[in-house]
């Protein structure tokens, strides 16, 4: 269980770094504002990028340990979406853990 949590936290860290670079490049080109302005896609761009990140990693992100990560019986696509959603959810968990560690070391 702890290995799953740590894997998701590290993956969230890597994803945030990748997203910083992608956002920077898209801002430099001037496309970021246009893409985020699309009604349906713009609000969910982070999930789309997370899904592409998981898909490109091609199974390198192993999450589960006895839990079924498949969403709605959609096979590999459902597993990739579930891992992407979990990765995005763990960004806030990672932030809270880093903050707690920082406060613990400050004492």
PDB file of N, CA and C in Angstrom:
ATOM      1  N   UNK A   1       0.819  -1.196   0.000  1.00  0.00           N
ATOM      2  CA  UNK A   1       0.000   0.000   0.000  1.00  0.00           C
ATOM      3  C   UNK A   1       0.860   1.256   0.000  1.00  0.00           C
ATOM      4  N   UNK A   2       1.883   1.284   0.846  1.00  0.00           N
ATOM      5  CA  UNK A   2       2.758   2.461   0.896  1.00  0.00           C
ATOM      6  C   UNK A   2       3.519   2.633  -0.407  1.00  0.00           C
ATOM      7  N   UNK A   3       3.852   1.507  -1.059  1.00  0.00           N
ATOM      8  CA  UNK A   3       4.548   1.600  -2.340  1.00  0.00           C
ATOM      9  C   UNK A   3       3.642   2.248  -3.386  1.00  0.00           C
ATOM     10  N   UNK A   4       2.353   1.947  -3.343  1.00  0.00           N
ATOM     11  CA  UNK A   4       1.410   2.561  -4.277  1.00  0.00           C
ATOM     12  C   UNK A   4       1.308   4.059  -4.042  1.00  0.00           C
ATOM     13  N   UNK A   5       1.213   4.452  -2.770  1.00  0.00           N
ATOM     14  CA  UNK A   5       1.104   5.875  -2.440  1.00  0.00           C
ATOM     15  C   UNK A   5       2.372   6.607  -2.866  1.00  0.00           C
ATOM     16  N   UNK A   6       3.534   6.012  -2.573  1.00  0.00           N
ATOM     17  CA  UNK A   6       4.798   6.639  -2.951  1.00  0.00           C
ATOM     18  C   UNK A   6       4.940   6.722  -4.464  1.00  0.00           C
ATOM     19  N   UNK A   7       4.533   5.682  -5.172  1.00  0.00           N
ATOM     20  CA  UNK A   7       4.583   5.702  -6.635  1.00  0.00           C
ATOM     21  C   UNK A   7       3.723   6.826  -7.193  1.00  0.00           C
ATOM     22  N   UNK A   8       2.509   6.979  -6.666  1.00  0.00           N
ATOM     23  CA  UNK A   8       1.632   8.042  -7.147  1.00  0.00           C
ATOM     24  C   UNK A   8       2.172   9.423  -6.800  1.00  0.00           C
ATOM     25  N   UNK A   9       2.798   9.565  -5.625  1.00  0.00           N
ATOM     26  CA  UNK A   9       3.360  10.863  -5.244  1.00  0.00           C
ATOM     27  C   UNK A   9       4.548  11.230  -6.144  1.00  0.00           C
ATOM     28  N   UNK A  10       5.422  10.284  -6.408  1.00  0.00           N
ATOM     29  CA  UNK A  10       6.572  10.547  -7.276  1.00  0.00           C
ATOM     30  C   UNK A  10       6.108  10.816  -8.699  1.00  0.00           C
ATOM     31  N   UNK A  11       5.129  10.064  -9.162  1.00  0.00           N
ATOM     32  CA  UNK A  11       4.578  10.297 -10.496  1.00  0.00           C
ATOM     33  C   UNK A  11       3.939  11.681 -10.579  1.00  0.00           C
ATOM     34  N   UNK A  12       3.255  12.101  -9.522  1.00  0.00           N
ATOM     35  CA  UNK A  12       2.664  13.444  -9.498  1.00  0.00           C
ATOM     36  C   UNK A  12       3.743  14.509  -9.565  1.00  0.00           C
ATOM     37  N   UNK A  13       4.871  14.293  -8.873  1.00  0.00           N
ATOM     38  CA  UNK A  13       5.986  15.245  -8.937  1.00  0.00           C
ATOM     39  C   UNK A  13       6.555  15.349 -10.345  1.00  0.00           C
ATOM     40  N   UNK A  14       6.768  14.197 -10.961  1.00  0.00           N
ATOM     41  CA  UNK A  14       7.301  14.189 -12.328  1.00  0.00           C
ATOM     42  C   UNK A  14       6.318  14.848 -13.275  1.00  0.00           C
ATOM     43  N   UNK A  15       5.033  14.542 -13.118  1.00  0.00           N
ATOM     44  CA  UNK A  15       4.011  15.126 -13.987  1.00  0.00           C
ATOM     45  C   UNK A  15       3.960  16.640 -13.847  1.00  0.00           C
ATOM     46  N   UNK A  16       4.084  17.151 -12.608  1.00  0.00           N
ATOM     47  CA  UNK A  16       4.083  18.607 -12.416  1.00  0.00           C
ATOM     48  C   UNK A  16       5.265  19.251 -13.113  1.00  0.00           C
ATOM     49  N   UNK A  17       6.414  18.600 -13.078  1.00  0.00           N
ATOM     50  CA  UNK A  17       7.586  19.119 -13.794  1.00  0.00           C
ATOM     51  C   UNK A  17       7.383  19.128 -15.295  1.00  0.00           C
ATOM     52  N   UNK A  18       6.822  18.045 -15.806  1.00  0.00           N
ATOM     53  CA  UNK A  18       6.539  17.962 -17.240  1.00  0.00           C
ATOM     54  C   UNK A  18       5.521  19.029 -17.643  1.00  0.00           C
ATOM     55  N   UNK A  19       4.490  19.211 -16.814  1.00  0.00           N
ATOM     56  CA  UNK A  19       3.462  20.216 -17.121  1.00  0.00           C
ATOM     57  C   UNK A  19       4.023  21.632 -17.097  1.00  0.00           C
ATOM     58  N   UNK A  20       4.974  21.903 -16.217  1.00  0.00           N
ATOM     59  CA  UNK A  20       5.598  23.231 -16.189  1.00  0.00           C
ATOM     60  C   UNK A  20       6.310  23.511 -17.502  1.00  0.00           C
ATOM     61  N   UNK A  21       6.994  22.508 -18.026  1.00  0.00           N
ATOM     62  CA  UNK A  21       7.700  22.678 -19.307  1.00  0.00           C
ATOM     63  C   UNK A  21       6.704  22.824 -20.448  1.00  0.00           C
ATOM     64  N   UNK A  22       5.667  21.980 -20.463  1.00  0.00           N
ATOM     65  CA  UNK A  22       4.669  22.047 -21.540  1.00  0.00           C
ATOM     66  C   UNK A  22       3.952  23.391 -21.527  1.00  0.00           C
ATOM     67  N   UNK A  23       3.538  23.854 -20.341  1.00  0.00           N
ATOM     68  CA  UNK A  23       2.873  25.161 -20.244  1.00  0.00           C
ATOM     69  C   UNK A  23       3.792  26.287 -20.703  1.00  0.00           C
ATOM     70  N   UNK A  24       5.059  26.208 -20.350  1.00  0.00           N
ATOM     71  CA  UNK A  24       6.022  27.233 -20.758  1.00  0.00           C
ATOM     72  C   UNK A  24       6.173  27.270 -22.278  1.00  0.00           C
ATOM     73  N   UNK A  25       6.288  26.103 -22.872  1.00  0.00           N
ATOM     74  CA  UNK A  25       6.442  26.042 -24.336  1.00  0.00           C
ATOM     75  C   UNK A  25       5.172  26.528 -25.026  1.00  0.00           C
ATOM     76  N   UNK A  26       4.002  26.088 -24.536  1.00  0.00           N
ATOM     77  CA  UNK A  26       2.749  26.520 -25.150  1.00  0.00           C
ATOM     78  C   UNK A  26       2.522  28.022 -24.976  1.00  0.00           C
ATOM     79  N   UNK A  27       2.940  28.583 -23.827  1.00  0.00           N
ATOM     80  CA  UNK A  27       2.853  30.042 -23.639  1.00  0.00           C
ATOM     81  C   UNK A  27       3.780  30.779 -24.588  1.00  0.00           C
ATOM     82  N   UNK A  28       4.976  30.239 -24.777  1.00  0.00           N
ATOM     83  CA  UNK A  28       5.952  30.871 -25.664  1.00  0.00           C
ATOM     84  C   UNK A  28       5.439  30.891 -27.100  1.00  0.00           C
ATOM     85  N   UNK A  29       4.801  29.816 -27.511  1.00  0.00           N
ATOM     86  CA  UNK A  29       4.261  29.730 -28.870  1.00  0.00           C
ATOM     87  C   UNK A  29       2.976  30.536 -28.993  1.00  0.00           C
ATOM     88  N   UNK A  30       2.279  30.740 -27.874  1.00  0.00           N
ATOM     89  CA  UNK A  30       1.041  31.508 -27.882  1.00  0.00           C
ATOM     90  C   UNK A  30      -0.204  30.680 -28.087  1.00  0.00           C
ATOM     91  N   UNK A  31      -0.106  29.388 -27.848  1.00  0.00           N
ATOM     92  CA  UNK A  31      -1.224  28.482 -28.079  1.00  0.00           C
ATOM     93  C   UNK A  31      -1.966  28.156 -26.782  1.00  0.00           C
ATOM     94  N   UNK A  32      -1.320  28.331 -25.649  1.00  0.00           N
ATOM     95  CA  UNK A  32      -1.890  27.910 -24.370  1.00  0.00           C
ATOM     96  C   UNK A  32      -3.231  28.591 -24.078  1.00  0.00           C
ATOM     97  N   UNK A  33      -3.312  29.888 -24.299  1.00  0.00           N
ATOM     98  CA  UNK A  33      -4.559  30.612 -24.036  1.00  0.00           C
ATOM     99  C   UNK A  33      -5.668  30.161 -24.985  1.00  0.00           C
ATOM    100  N   UNK A  34      -5.315  29.858 -26.214  1.00  0.00           N
ATOM    101  CA  UNK A  34      -6.309  29.411 -27.198  1.00  0.00           C
ATOM    102  C   UNK A  34      -6.875  28.049 -26.806  1.00  0.00           C
ATOM    103  N   UNK A  35      -5.982  27.122 -26.416  1.00  0.00           N
ATOM    104  CA  UNK A  35      -6.414  25.772 -26.052  1.00  0.00           C
ATOM    105  C   UNK A  35      -7.255  25.807 -24.779  1.00  0.00           C
ATOM    106  N   UNK A  36      -6.845  26.602 -23.785  1.00  0.00           N
ATOM    107  CA  UNK A  36      -7.596  26.681 -22.539  1.00  0.00           C
ATOM    108  C   UNK A  36      -8.927  27.403 -22.720  1.00  0.00           C
ATOM    109  N   UNK A  37      -9.098  28.121 -23.814  1.00  0.00           N
ATOM    110  CA  UNK A  37     -10.345  28.820 -24.087  1.00  0.00           C
ATOM    111  C   UNK A  37     -11.415  27.954 -24.713  1.00  0.00           C
ATOM    112  N   UNK A  38     -11.055  26.760 -25.175  1.00  0.00           N
ATOM    113  CA  UNK A  38     -12.042  25.844 -25.756  1.00  0.00           C
ATOM    114  C   UNK A  38     -12.939  25.340 -24.627  1.00  0.00           C
ATOM    115  N   UNK A  39     -14.266  25.481 -24.763  1.00  0.00           N
ATOM    116  CA  UNK A  39     -15.174  25.209 -23.638  1.00  0.00           C
ATOM    117  C   UNK A  39     -15.053  23.831 -22.992  1.00  0.00           C
ATOM    118  N   UNK A  40     -15.105  22.772 -23.743  1.00  0.00           N
ATOM    119  CA  UNK A  40     -15.119  21.434 -23.160  1.00  0.00           C
ATOM    120  C   UNK A  40     -13.706  20.969 -22.817  1.00  0.00           C
ATOM    121  N   UNK A  41     -12.771  21.260 -23.676  1.00  0.00           N
ATOM    122  CA  UNK A  41     -11.406  20.771 -23.504  1.00  0.00           C
ATOM    123  C   UNK A  41     -10.613  21.622 -22.522  1.00  0.00           C
ATOM    124  N   UNK A  42     -10.789  22.911 -22.537  1.00  0.00           N
ATOM    125  CA  UNK A  42      -9.975  23.822 -21.741  1.00  0.00           C
ATOM    126  C   UNK A  42      -9.976  23.542 -20.257  1.00  0.00           C
ATOM    127  N   UNK A  43     -11.111  23.206 -19.702  1.00  0.00           N
ATOM    128  CA  UNK A  43     -11.208  22.936 -18.278  1.00  0.00           C
ATOM    129  C   UNK A  43     -10.643  21.587 -17.862  1.00  0.00           C
ATOM    130  N   UNK A  44     -10.432  20.722 -18.829  1.00  0.00           N
ATOM    131  CA  UNK A  44      -9.954  19.375 -18.537  1.00  0.00           C
ATOM    132  C   UNK A  44      -8.588  19.088 -19.167  1.00  0.00           C
ATOM    133  N   UNK A  45      -7.852  20.146 -19.502  1.00  0.00           N
ATOM    134  CA  UNK A  45      -6.561  19.958 -20.167  1.00  0.00           C
ATOM    135  C   UNK A  45      -5.585  19.180 -19.302  1.00  0.00           C
ATOM    136  N   UNK A  46      -5.604  19.405 -17.997  1.00  0.00           N
ATOM    137  CA  UNK A  46      -4.662  18.698 -17.136  1.00  0.00           C
ATOM    138  C   UNK A  46      -4.933  17.190 -17.159  1.00  0.00           C
ATOM    139  N   UNK A  47      -6.196  16.795 -17.199  1.00  0.00           N
ATOM    140  CA  UNK A  47      -6.524  15.374 -17.294  1.00  0.00           C
ATOM    141  C   UNK A  47      -6.097  14.801 -18.642  1.00  0.00           C
ATOM    142  N   UNK A  48      -6.277  15.574 -19.699  1.00  0.00           N
ATOM    143  CA  UNK A  48      -5.856  15.114 -21.029  1.00  0.00           C
ATOM    144  C   UNK A  48      -4.346  14.926 -21.056  1.00  0.00           C
ATOM    145  N   UNK A  49      -3.593  15.900 -20.532  1.00  0.00           N
ATOM    146  CA  UNK A  49      -2.132  15.772 -20.484  1.00  0.00           C
ATOM    147  C   UNK A  49      -1.724  14.601 -19.594  1.00  0.00           C
ATOM    148  N   UNK A  50      -2.427  14.394 -18.481  1.00  0.00           N
ATOM    149  CA  UNK A  50      -2.114  13.275 -17.582  1.00  0.00           C
ATOM    150  C   UNK A  50      -2.350  11.943 -18.292  1.00  0.00           C
ATOM    151  N   UNK A  51      -3.447  11.847 -19.046  1.00  0.00           N
ATOM    152  CA  UNK A  51      -3.717  10.616 -19.790  1.00  0.00           C
ATOM    153  C   UNK A  51      -2.620  10.370 -20.825  1.00  0.00           C
ATOM    154  N   UNK A  52      -2.216  11.419 -21.541  1.00  0.00           N
ATOM    155  CA  UNK A  52      -1.133  11.265 -22.524  1.00  0.00           C
ATOM    156  C   UNK A  52       0.174  10.868 -21.842  1.00  0.00           C
ATOM    157  N   UNK A  53       0.436  11.438 -20.662  1.00  0.00           N
ATOM    158  CA  UNK A  53       1.625  11.101 -19.885  1.00  0.00           C
ATOM    159  C   UNK A  53       1.622   9.623 -19.510  1.00  0.00           C
ATOM    160  N   UNK A  54       0.485   9.110 -19.065  1.00  0.00           N
ATOM    161  CA  UNK A  54       0.366   7.697 -18.691  1.00  0.00           C
ATOM    162  C   UNK A  54       0.466   6.822 -19.929  1.00  0.00           C
ATOM    163  N   UNK A  55      -0.172   7.234 -21.009  1.00  0.00           N
ATOM    164  CA  UNK A  55      -0.157   6.444 -22.230  1.00  0.00           C
ATOM    165  C   UNK A  55       1.257   6.363 -22.812  1.00  0.00           C
ATOM    166  N   UNK A  56       1.993   7.469 -22.784  1.00  0.00           N
ATOM    167  CA  UNK A  56       3.358   7.478 -23.309  1.00  0.00           C
ATOM    168  C   UNK A  56       4.274   6.616 -22.450  1.00  0.00           C
ATOM    169  N   UNK A  57       4.022   6.601 -21.134  1.00  0.00           N
ATOM    170  CA  UNK A  57       4.859   5.783 -20.251  1.00  0.00           C
ATOM    171  C   UNK A  57       4.645   4.290 -20.515  1.00  0.00           C
ATOM    172  N   UNK A  58       3.564   3.932 -21.170  1.00  0.00           N
ATOM    173  CA  UNK A  58       3.286   2.574 -21.651  1.00  0.00           C
ATOM    174  C   UNK A  58       3.419   1.514 -20.565  1.00  0.00           C
ATOM    175  N   UNK A  59       2.696   1.709 -19.482  1.00  0.00           N
ATOM    176  CA  UNK A  59       2.668   0.707 -18.431  1.00  0.00           C
ATOM    177  C   UNK A  59       3.817   0.798 -17.446  1.00  0.00           C
ATOM    178  N   UNK A  60       4.662   1.810 -17.562  1.00  0.00           N
ATOM    179  CA  UNK A  60       5.769   1.950 -16.619  1.00  0.00           C
ATOM    180  C   UNK A  60       5.272   2.362 -15.238  1.00  0.00           C
ATOM    181  N   UNK A  61       4.074   2.944 -15.176  1.00  0.00           N
ATOM    182  CA  UNK A  61       3.489   3.331 -13.903  1.00  0.00           C
ATOM    183  C   UNK A  61       2.625   2.181 -13.426  1.00  0.00           C
ATOM    184  N   UNK A  62       3.137   1.418 -12.489  1.00  0.00           N
ATOM    185  CA  UNK A  62       2.408   0.258 -11.973  1.00  0.00           C
ATOM    186  C   UNK A  62       1.695   0.650 -10.697  1.00  0.00           C
ATOM    187  N   UNK A  63       0.389   0.672 -10.766  1.00  0.00           N
ATOM    188  CA  UNK A  63      -0.431   0.998  -9.609  1.00  0.00           C
ATOM    189  C   UNK A  63      -1.456  -0.109  -9.468  1.00  0.00           C
ATOM    190  N   UNK A  64      -1.776  -0.464  -8.278  1.00  0.00           N
ATOM    191  CA  UNK A  64      -2.799  -1.474  -8.096  1.00  0.00           C
ATOM    192  C   UNK A  64      -2.579  -2.279  -6.853  1.00  0.00           C
ATOM    193  N   UNK A  65      -1.638  -3.208  -6.887  1.00  0.00           N
ATOM    194  CA  UNK A  65      -1.364  -4.057  -5.747  1.00  0.00           C
ATOM    195  C   UNK A  65      -2.638  -4.695  -5.216  1.00  0.00           C
ATOM    196  N   UNK A  66      -3.350  -5.386  -6.080  1.00  0.00           N
ATOM    197  CA  UNK A  66      -4.553  -6.074  -5.674  1.00  0.00           C
ATOM    198  C   UNK A  66      -5.823  -5.287  -5.929  1.00  0.00           C
ATOM    199  N   UNK A  67      -5.705  -4.007  -6.214  1.00  0.00           N
ATOM    200  CA  UNK A  67      -6.887  -3.199  -6.498  1.00  0.00           C
ATOM    201  C   UNK A  67      -7.110  -3.174  -8.006  1.00  0.00           C
ATOM    202  N   UNK A  68      -8.356  -3.179  -8.398  1.00  0.00           N
ATOM    203  CA  UNK A  68      -8.675  -3.121  -9.812  1.00  0.00           C
ATOM    204  C   UNK A  68      -8.759  -1.663 -10.237  1.00  0.00           C
ATOM    205  N   UNK A  69      -7.878  -1.240 -11.135  1.00  0.00           N
ATOM    206  CA  UNK A  69      -7.833   0.151 -11.563  1.00  0.00           C
ATOM    207  C   UNK A  69      -8.661   0.382 -12.826  1.00  0.00           C
ATOM    208  N   UNK A  70      -9.342  -0.623 -13.316  1.00  0.00           N
ATOM    209  CA  UNK A  70     -10.102  -0.474 -14.544  1.00  0.00           C
ATOM    210  C   UNK A  70     -11.377   0.328 -14.288  1.00  0.00           C
ATOM    211  N   UNK A  71     -11.661   1.278 -15.176  1.00  0.00           N
ATOM    212  CA  UNK A  71     -12.831   2.139 -15.044  1.00  0.00           C
ATOM    213  C   UNK A  71     -13.902   1.688 -16.032  1.00  0.00           C
ATOM    214  N   UNK A  72     -15.055   1.361 -15.525  1.00  0.00           N
ATOM    215  CA  UNK A  72     -16.237   1.030 -16.329  1.00  0.00           C
ATOM    216  C   UNK A  72     -16.019  -0.101 -17.327  1.00  0.00           C
ATOM    217  N   UNK A  73     -15.122  -1.018 -17.031  1.00  0.00           N
ATOM    218  CA  UNK A  73     -14.894  -2.156 -17.915  1.00  0.00           C
ATOM    219  C   UNK A  73     -14.372  -1.764 -19.278  1.00  0.00           C
ATOM    220  N   UNK A  74     -13.553  -0.733 -19.334  1.00  0.00           N
ATOM    221  CA  UNK A  74     -13.059  -0.216 -20.611  1.00  0.00           C
ATOM    222  C   UNK A  74     -11.680  -0.766 -20.976  1.00  0.00           C
ATOM    223  N   UNK A  75     -11.185  -1.756 -20.280  1.00  0.00           N
ATOM    224  CA  UNK A  75      -9.909  -2.382 -20.615  1.00  0.00           C
ATOM    225  C   UNK A  75      -8.730  -1.478 -20.313  1.00  0.00           C
ATOM    226  N   UNK A  76      -7.746  -1.507 -21.216  1.00  0.00           N
ATOM    227  CA  UNK A  76      -6.517  -0.727 -21.019  1.00  0.00           C
ATOM    228  C   UNK A  76      -6.785   0.771 -20.984  1.00  0.00           C
ATOM    229  N   UNK A  77      -7.717   1.248 -21.774  1.00  0.00           N
ATOM    230  CA  UNK A  77      -8.070   2.668 -21.769  1.00  0.00           C
ATOM    231  C   UNK A  77      -8.592   3.080 -20.393  1.00  0.00           C
ATOM    232  N   UNK A  78      -9.431   2.241 -19.810  1.00  0.00           N
ATOM    233  CA  UNK A  78      -9.969   2.517 -18.484  1.00  0.00           C
ATOM    234  C   UNK A  78      -8.894   2.530 -17.411  1.00  0.00           C
ATOM    235  N   UNK A  79      -7.928   1.625 -17.521  1.00  0.00           N
ATOM    236  CA  UNK A  79      -6.819   1.596 -16.567  1.00  0.00           C
ATOM    237  C   UNK A  79      -5.987   2.863 -16.704  1.00  0.00           C
ATOM    238  N   UNK A  80      -5.699   3.284 -17.942  1.00  0.00           N
ATOM    239  CA  UNK A  80      -4.918   4.505 -18.157  1.00  0.00           C
ATOM    240  C   UNK A  80      -5.636   5.733 -17.609  1.00  0.00           C
ATOM    241  N   UNK A  81      -6.938   5.811 -17.817  1.00  0.00           N
ATOM    242  CA  UNK A  81      -7.717   6.935 -17.282  1.00  0.00           C
ATOM    243  C   UNK A  81      -7.705   6.911 -15.757  1.00  0.00           C
ATOM    244  N   UNK A  82      -7.856   5.730 -15.166  1.00  0.00           N
ATOM    245  CA  UNK A  82      -7.857   5.618 -13.704  1.00  0.00           C
ATOM    246  C   UNK A  82      -6.513   6.038 -13.115  1.00  0.00           C
ATOM    247  N   UNK A  83      -5.417   5.634 -13.745  1.00  0.00           N
ATOM    248  CA  UNK A  83      -4.091   6.020 -13.263  1.00  0.00           C
ATOM    249  C   UNK A  83      -3.900   7.523 -13.419  1.00  0.00           C
ATOM    250  N   UNK A  84      -4.370   8.097 -14.525  1.00  0.00           N
ATOM    251  CA  UNK A  84      -4.252   9.545 -14.738  1.00  0.00           C
ATOM    252  C   UNK A  84      -5.053  10.311 -13.681  1.00  0.00           C
ATOM    253  N   UNK A  85      -6.256   9.868 -13.389  1.00  0.00           N
ATOM    254  CA  UNK A  85      -7.074  10.523 -12.367  1.00  0.00           C
ATOM    255  C   UNK A  85      -6.421  10.388 -10.997  1.00  0.00           C
ATOM    256  N   UNK A  86      -5.904   9.204 -10.685  1.00  0.00           N
ATOM    257  CA  UNK A  86      -5.226   8.996  -9.403  1.00  0.00           C
ATOM    258  C   UNK A  86      -3.991   9.876  -9.284  1.00  0.00           C
ATOM    259  N   UNK A  87      -3.251   9.990 -10.366  1.00  0.00           N
ATOM    260  CA  UNK A  87      -2.055  10.818 -10.372  1.00  0.00           C
ATOM    261  C   UNK A  87      -2.418  12.276 -10.110  1.00  0.00           C
ATOM    262  N   UNK A  88      -3.464  12.768 -10.740  1.00  0.00           N
ATOM    263  CA  UNK A  88      -3.904  14.144 -10.513  1.00  0.00           C
ATOM    264  C   UNK A  88      -4.403  14.333  -9.086  1.00  0.00           C
ATOM    265  N   UNK A  89      -5.076  13.336  -8.534  1.00  0.00           N
ATOM    266  CA  UNK A  89      -5.568  13.435  -7.158  1.00  0.00           C
ATOM    267  C   UNK A  89      -4.420  13.476  -6.163  1.00  0.00           C
ATOM    268  N   UNK A  90      -3.333  12.811  -6.490  1.00  0.00           N
ATOM    269  CA  UNK A  90      -2.208  12.759  -5.565  1.00  0.00           C
ATOM    270  C   UNK A  90      -1.320  13.988  -5.619  1.00  0.00           C
ATOM    271  N   UNK A  91      -1.578  14.924  -6.509  1.00  0.00           N
ATOM    272  CA  UNK A  91      -0.816  16.171  -6.508  1.00  0.00           C
ATOM    273  C   UNK A  91      -1.067  16.923  -5.210  1.00  0.00           C
ATOM    274  N   UNK A  92      -2.325  17.008  -4.789  1.00  0.00           N
ATOM    275  CA  UNK A  92      -2.622  17.707  -3.533  1.00  0.00           C
ATOM    276  C   UNK A  92      -2.136  16.917  -2.322  1.00  0.00           C
ATOM    277  N   UNK A  93      -2.176  15.588  -2.389  1.00  0.00           N
ATOM    278  CA  UNK A  93      -1.654  14.760  -1.300  1.00  0.00           C
ATOM    279  C   UNK A  93      -0.150  14.958  -1.172  1.00  0.00           C
ATOM    280  N   UNK A  94       0.533  15.023  -2.315  1.00  0.00           N
ATOM    281  CA  UNK A  94       1.976  15.249  -2.319  1.00  0.00           C
ATOM    282  C   UNK A  94       2.299  16.607  -1.729  1.00  0.00           C
ATOM    283  N   UNK A  95       1.538  17.632  -2.119  1.00  0.00           N
ATOM    284  CA  UNK A  95       1.767  18.976  -1.577  1.00  0.00           C
ATOM    285  C   UNK A  95       1.592  19.006  -0.067  1.00  0.00           C
ATOM    286  N   UNK A  96       0.560  18.336   0.434  1.00  0.00           N
ATOM    287  CA  UNK A  96       0.315  18.292   1.880  1.00  0.00           C
ATOM    288  C   UNK A  96       1.423  17.537   2.613  1.00  0.00           C
ATOM    289  N   UNK A  97       1.902  16.443   2.025  1.00  0.00           N
ATOM    290  CA  UNK A  97       2.968  15.666   2.664  1.00  0.00           C
ATOM    291  C   UNK A  97       4.272  16.461   2.718  1.00  0.00           C
ATOM    292  N   UNK A  98       4.588  17.164   1.641  1.00  0.00           N
ATOM    293  CA  UNK A  98       5.805  17.970   1.616  1.00  0.00           C
ATOM    294  C   UNK A  98       5.708  19.114   2.624  1.00  0.00           C
ATOM    295  N   UNK A  99       4.542  19.719   2.734  1.00  0.00           N
ATOM    296  CA  UNK A  99       4.344  20.799   3.696  1.00  0.00           C
ATOM    297  C   UNK A  99       4.478  20.278   5.123  1.00  0.00           C
ATOM    298  N   UNK A 100       3.894  19.117   5.401  1.00  0.00           N
ATOM    299  CA  UNK A 100       3.993  18.524   6.738  1.00  0.00           C
ATOM    300  C   UNK A 100       5.430  18.160   7.074  1.00  0.00           C
ATOM    301  N   UNK A 101       6.155  17.632   6.106  1.00  0.00           N
ATOM    302  CA  UNK A 101       7.560  17.315   6.340  1.00  0.00           C
ATOM    303  C   UNK A 101       8.369  18.571   6.609  1.00  0.00           C
ATOM    304  N   UNK A 102       8.077  19.612   5.863  1.00  0.00           N
ATOM    305  CA  UNK A 102       8.770  20.894   6.057  1.00  0.00           C
ATOM    306  C   UNK A 102       8.519  21.476   7.441  1.00  0.00           C
ATOM    307  N   UNK A 103       7.293  21.379   7.899  1.00  0.00           N
ATOM    308  CA  UNK A 103       6.965  21.900   9.225  1.00  0.00           C
ATOM    309  C   UNK A 103       7.589  21.031  10.323  1.00  0.00           C
ATOM    310  N   UNK A 104       7.691  19.730  10.066  1.00  0.00           N
ATOM    311  CA  UNK A 104       8.305  18.830  11.035  1.00  0.00           C
ATOM    312  C   UNK A 104       9.783  19.072  11.189  1.00  0.00           C
ATOM    313  N   UNK A 105      10.468  19.370  10.071  1.00  0.00           N
ATOM    314  CA  UNK A 105      11.900  19.616  10.117  1.00  0.00           C
ATOM    315  C   UNK A 105      12.211  20.994  10.685  1.00  0.00           C
ATOM    316  N   UNK A 106      11.245  21.908  10.632  1.00  0.00           N
ATOM    317  CA  UNK A 106      11.472  23.258  11.116  1.00  0.00           C
ATOM    318  C   UNK A 106      11.490  23.314  12.637  1.00  0.00           C
ATOM    319  N   UNK A 107      10.946  22.316  13.288  1.00  0.00           N
ATOM    320  CA  UNK A 107      10.874  22.316  14.760  1.00  0.00           C
ATOM    321  C   UNK A 107      12.134  21.833  15.379  1.00  0.00           C
TER     322      UNK A 107
END
